[in-house]
């Protein structure tokens, strides 16, 4: 039988054998539901060891939910979110951010999928004007949909710009591990350590069957997330099956 290698998407790949083994091992007996179990506690601690003990960590099923619910926690319907015109957030999430959050996505043309301060500044208008959407979040993708990667200094520059203008920096990190491997650095070093406020950290595109993580580097930003996750239909009852995968993955 011929063996084919597919380059269409990492969503096409199978599940890593160690992940399948972890799922089999956790599939034994009864444990408390909705994340109140030892497997989830262990996985969350592993993530906090990576992203910082002061971070707040939550599991969801998929990447679209991680992006939208994470942004919903920090955004109101009168806000605007800046993103590259090629961003998954605006191209491949079926108007989910607009529908669920009610906020305005501002799509910024880029030559390589990467936002810069110079590209964003012309769109930073209407601050304080009740007739206009209020700029509130810059959302970047690491690695980008064009296969490019933000260097730590580039992320820090965007974070400093955002915070100077009372905005937040969100990162779609569905492929954060790819970027870390390319840059030969740690996951925190290209996210929270550079000033990112909210991170969607991917598992599905890194050998897992399903499961993503929303990381808030400031716990105060996550104060309503448990309710938002439930309303967003992403609070899984048998959370141990996501948690066990992340423990094996990390």
Protein backbone atom coordinates (compact mmCIF):
# COMPACT_ATOMS: atom_id res chain seq x y z
CA UNK A 1 0.00 0.00 0.00
CA UNK A 2 1.31 3.42 -0.95
CA UNK A 3 1.97 5.83 1.91
CA UNK A 4 0.98 9.43 1.34
CA UNK A 5 2.05 12.49 3.27
CA UNK A 6 -0.60 15.19 3.43
CA UNK A 7 0.30 18.86 3.68
CA UNK A 8 -3.27 20.18 3.56
CA UNK A 9 -3.57 20.81 7.29
CA UNK A 10 -2.39 19.44 10.58
CA UNK A 11 -6.08 18.76 11.23
CA UNK A 12 -5.71 15.90 8.74
CA UNK A 13 -3.22 14.03 10.89
CA UNK A 14 -3.94 11.21 13.29
CA UNK A 15 -3.60 11.19 17.07
CA UNK A 16 -0.18 10.67 18.59
CA UNK A 17 0.18 7.14 20.07
CA UNK A 18 1.09 8.52 23.51
CA UNK A 19 -2.12 10.55 23.52
CA UNK A 20 -4.17 7.46 22.68
CA UNK A 21 -2.37 5.60 25.44
CA UNK A 22 -3.19 8.38 27.90
CA UNK A 23 -6.86 8.27 26.90
CA UNK A 24 -6.95 4.53 27.44
CA UNK A 25 -5.33 4.84 30.85
CA UNK A 26 -7.76 7.48 32.05
CA UNK A 27 -10.75 5.46 30.86
CA UNK A 28 -11.07 3.49 34.07
CA UNK A 29 -13.73 3.82 36.72
CA UNK A 30 -15.59 6.89 37.88
CA UNK A 31 -14.26 10.35 38.68
CA UNK A 32 -15.97 13.62 39.56
CA UNK A 33 -17.25 15.46 36.49
CA UNK A 34 -16.77 18.97 35.07
CA UNK A 35 -13.07 19.26 35.87
CA UNK A 36 -13.19 18.52 39.58
CA UNK A 37 -10.89 15.54 39.20
CA UNK A 38 -7.24 14.75 39.82
CA UNK A 39 -6.40 14.49 36.12
CA UNK A 40 -7.59 18.03 35.44
CA UNK A 41 -5.84 19.37 38.52
CA UNK A 42 -2.61 17.76 37.35
CA UNK A 43 -2.91 19.07 33.79
CA UNK A 44 -3.71 22.61 34.93
CA UNK A 45 -0.69 22.57 37.21
CA UNK A 46 1.52 21.50 34.31
CA UNK A 47 0.23 24.41 32.26
CA UNK A 48 0.77 26.82 35.14
CA UNK A 49 4.33 25.54 35.45
CA UNK A 50 4.82 26.59 31.83
CA UNK A 51 2.80 29.81 31.63
CA UNK A 52 3.17 31.09 35.19
CA UNK A 53 1.65 30.23 38.54
CA UNK A 54 -0.49 33.39 38.48
CA UNK A 55 -2.15 32.43 35.20
CA UNK A 56 -5.72 31.13 34.95
CA UNK A 57 -6.19 28.06 32.75
CA UNK A 58 -9.37 26.59 31.24
CA UNK A 59 -10.06 23.74 28.82
CA UNK A 60 -12.46 23.86 25.86
CA UNK A 61 -13.15 21.54 22.95
CA UNK A 62 -11.84 23.45 19.93
CA UNK A 63 -9.85 26.41 18.68
CA UNK A 64 -12.74 28.57 17.53
CA UNK A 65 -14.25 28.34 21.01
CA UNK A 66 -10.91 29.13 22.63
CA UNK A 67 -10.56 32.29 20.57
CA UNK A 68 -14.13 33.51 20.84
CA UNK A 69 -14.73 32.72 24.51
CA UNK A 70 -11.34 34.10 25.51
CA UNK A 71 -12.12 37.33 23.69
CA UNK A 72 -15.66 37.39 25.04
CA UNK A 73 -14.23 37.51 28.55
CA UNK A 74 -12.38 40.75 27.90
CA UNK A 75 -14.54 42.46 25.28
CA UNK A 76 -17.87 44.27 25.15
CA UNK A 77 -20.16 44.66 22.16
CA UNK A 78 -19.08 48.28 21.59
CA UNK A 79 -15.41 47.30 21.26
CA UNK A 80 -13.31 46.62 18.18
CA UNK A 81 -10.69 43.90 17.73
CA UNK A 82 -7.75 44.47 15.38
CA UNK A 83 -6.52 41.43 13.45
CA UNK A 84 -4.70 40.66 10.22
CA UNK A 85 -7.02 40.28 7.25
CA UNK A 86 -5.70 36.71 6.89
CA UNK A 87 -6.37 35.78 10.54
CA UNK A 88 -8.31 32.60 11.29
CA UNK A 89 -10.40 34.76 13.61
CA UNK A 90 -11.88 36.69 10.71
CA UNK A 91 -11.58 34.24 7.79
CA UNK A 92 -12.45 30.80 9.17
CA UNK A 93 -14.67 31.29 12.21
CA UNK A 94 -17.92 31.97 10.32
CA UNK A 95 -18.53 35.41 11.87
CA UNK A 96 -18.44 33.71 15.27
CA UNK A 97 -16.72 36.63 17.03
CA UNK A 98 -19.23 39.12 15.66
CA UNK A 99 -22.17 36.86 16.42
CA UNK A 100 -21.19 35.75 19.91
CA UNK A 101 -19.32 38.80 21.18
CA UNK A 102 -21.05 41.49 19.13
CA UNK A 103 -17.74 43.32 18.72
CA UNK A 104 -16.36 44.67 15.45
CA UNK A 105 -13.43 42.93 13.77
CA UNK A 106 -11.10 45.39 12.06
CA UNK A 107 -9.24 43.51 9.32
CA UNK A 108 -5.82 45.01 8.63
CA UNK A 109 -3.96 44.21 5.39
CA UNK A 110 -0.48 42.80 5.94
CA UNK A 111 2.24 41.66 3.54
CA UNK A 112 3.04 38.51 5.52
CA UNK A 113 0.20 37.84 7.98
CA UNK A 114 1.94 39.73 10.80
CA UNK A 115 0.59 42.85 12.45
CA UNK A 116 2.91 45.72 13.34
CA UNK A 117 2.37 48.96 15.20
CA UNK A 118 2.81 50.91 11.97
CA UNK A 119 0.04 48.89 10.32
CA UNK A 120 -2.33 49.27 13.27
CA UNK A 121 -1.89 52.97 14.02
CA UNK A 122 -3.97 54.31 11.08
CA UNK A 123 -6.93 52.26 12.36
CA UNK A 124 -6.69 53.57 15.92
CA UNK A 125 -9.43 56.16 15.55
CA UNK A 126 -12.59 57.25 17.33
CA UNK A 127 -11.34 56.68 20.86
CA UNK A 128 -13.96 58.11 23.20
CA UNK A 129 -16.38 58.86 20.35
CA UNK A 130 -19.77 57.27 21.20
CA UNK A 131 -20.54 57.01 17.48
CA UNK A 132 -17.65 54.62 16.84
CA UNK A 133 -16.46 51.20 17.98
CA UNK A 134 -13.84 51.51 20.71
CA UNK A 135 -10.44 49.87 20.05
CA UNK A 136 -9.87 47.29 22.76
CA UNK A 137 -7.95 44.21 21.58
CA UNK A 138 -5.14 43.41 19.18
CA UNK A 139 -5.30 39.76 18.12
CA UNK A 140 -2.29 38.05 16.55
CA UNK A 141 -1.69 34.47 15.41
CA UNK A 142 1.51 32.62 16.33
CA UNK A 143 2.57 31.07 13.98
CA UNK A 144 0.53 33.01 11.43
CA UNK A 145 -1.78 31.68 8.75
CA UNK A 146 0.95 32.58 6.24
CA UNK A 147 3.54 30.45 8.01
CA UNK A 148 5.44 33.44 9.38
CA UNK A 149 6.48 33.78 13.01
CA UNK A 150 6.57 36.70 15.45
CA UNK A 151 9.88 37.21 17.22
CA UNK A 152 9.69 37.98 20.96
CA UNK A 153 10.64 41.63 20.42
CA UNK A 154 7.85 42.02 17.86
CA UNK A 155 5.28 40.65 20.30
CA UNK A 156 6.59 42.85 23.10
CA UNK A 157 6.36 45.91 20.85
CA UNK A 158 2.71 45.13 20.08
CA UNK A 159 1.95 44.48 23.75
CA UNK A 160 3.54 47.76 24.82
CA UNK A 161 1.58 49.62 22.16
CA UNK A 162 -1.67 47.92 23.19
CA UNK A 163 -1.20 48.60 26.88
CA UNK A 164 -0.19 52.21 26.27
CA UNK A 165 -3.53 52.68 24.54
CA UNK A 166 -5.52 50.79 27.21
CA UNK A 167 -5.93 47.77 24.94
CA UNK A 168 -5.17 44.08 25.40
CA UNK A 169 -3.10 41.66 23.34
CA UNK A 170 -4.70 38.33 22.41
CA UNK A 171 -2.78 35.50 20.79
CA UNK A 172 -4.25 32.67 18.74
CA UNK A 173 -1.70 30.02 19.61
CA UNK A 174 -3.19 27.05 17.80
CA UNK A 175 0.30 26.50 16.38
CA UNK A 176 2.30 28.09 19.19
CA UNK A 177 4.37 24.93 19.50
CA UNK A 178 5.43 25.22 15.86
CA UNK A 179 6.61 28.77 16.49
CA UNK A 180 8.47 27.74 19.65
CA UNK A 181 10.20 24.91 17.79
CA UNK A 182 11.21 27.25 14.97
CA UNK A 183 12.50 29.91 17.36
CA UNK A 184 14.07 27.30 19.66
CA UNK A 185 12.47 28.82 22.73
CA UNK A 186 9.86 28.08 25.38
CA UNK A 187 6.12 28.62 25.06
CA UNK A 188 5.94 31.27 27.77
CA UNK A 189 8.87 33.15 26.27
CA UNK A 190 6.82 33.92 23.14
CA UNK A 191 3.51 34.62 24.86
CA UNK A 192 3.02 35.77 28.44
CA UNK A 193 6.62 36.85 28.93
CA UNK A 194 6.20 39.22 25.97
CA UNK A 195 3.07 40.87 27.33
CA UNK A 196 0.30 38.70 25.87
CA UNK A 197 -2.85 38.99 28.01
CA UNK A 198 -4.99 36.14 26.67
CA UNK A 199 -3.77 33.03 24.86
CA UNK A 200 -5.56 30.28 22.95
CA UNK A 201 -3.16 27.35 23.26
CA UNK A 202 -3.67 24.55 20.76
CA UNK A 203 -3.79 20.84 21.42
CA UNK A 204 -5.65 19.49 18.39
CA UNK A 205 -2.96 20.66 15.97
CA UNK A 206 -0.25 19.11 18.13
CA UNK A 207 -1.19 15.45 18.16
CA UNK A 208 -4.25 15.50 20.40
CA UNK A 209 -7.65 14.13 19.43
CA UNK A 210 -9.38 17.30 20.59
CA UNK A 211 -8.99 19.96 23.25
CA UNK A 212 -7.62 23.49 23.57
CA UNK A 213 -6.64 25.72 26.47
CA UNK A 214 -7.53 29.34 27.22
CA UNK A 215 -4.81 30.99 29.30
CA UNK A 216 -5.29 34.34 31.04
CA UNK A 217 -2.01 35.79 32.27
CA UNK A 218 -3.95 38.11 34.59
CA UNK A 219 -6.48 36.20 36.70
CA UNK A 220 -8.74 39.24 36.92
CA UNK A 221 -9.42 38.96 33.19
CA UNK A 222 -10.84 35.47 33.79
CA UNK A 223 -13.21 36.32 36.63
CA UNK A 224 -16.33 35.48 34.59
CA UNK A 225 -14.87 32.86 32.26
CA UNK A 226 -16.40 29.84 33.99
CA UNK A 227 -19.87 31.24 33.30
CA UNK A 228 -18.96 32.32 29.77
CA UNK A 229 -17.60 28.84 29.02
CA UNK A 230 -20.82 27.24 30.24
CA UNK A 231 -22.99 29.60 28.21
CA UNK A 232 -20.73 28.92 25.25
CA UNK A 233 -21.47 25.17 25.53
CA UNK A 234 -17.81 24.33 26.11
CA UNK A 235 -17.88 23.00 29.68
CA UNK A 236 -17.27 19.30 29.13
CA UNK A 237 -18.57 16.93 31.77
CA UNK A 238 -15.90 14.26 31.24
CA UNK A 239 -13.07 16.76 31.31
CA UNK A 240 -10.53 14.11 32.29
CA UNK A 241 -10.34 13.12 28.61
CA UNK A 242 -9.05 16.56 27.63
CA UNK A 243 -6.87 16.86 30.73
CA UNK A 244 -5.20 13.49 30.24
CA UNK A 245 -4.29 14.43 26.68
CA UNK A 246 -2.66 17.69 27.76
CA UNK A 247 -0.72 15.96 30.52
CA UNK A 248 0.67 13.47 28.00
CA UNK A 249 1.32 16.19 25.43
CA UNK A 250 3.18 18.47 27.82
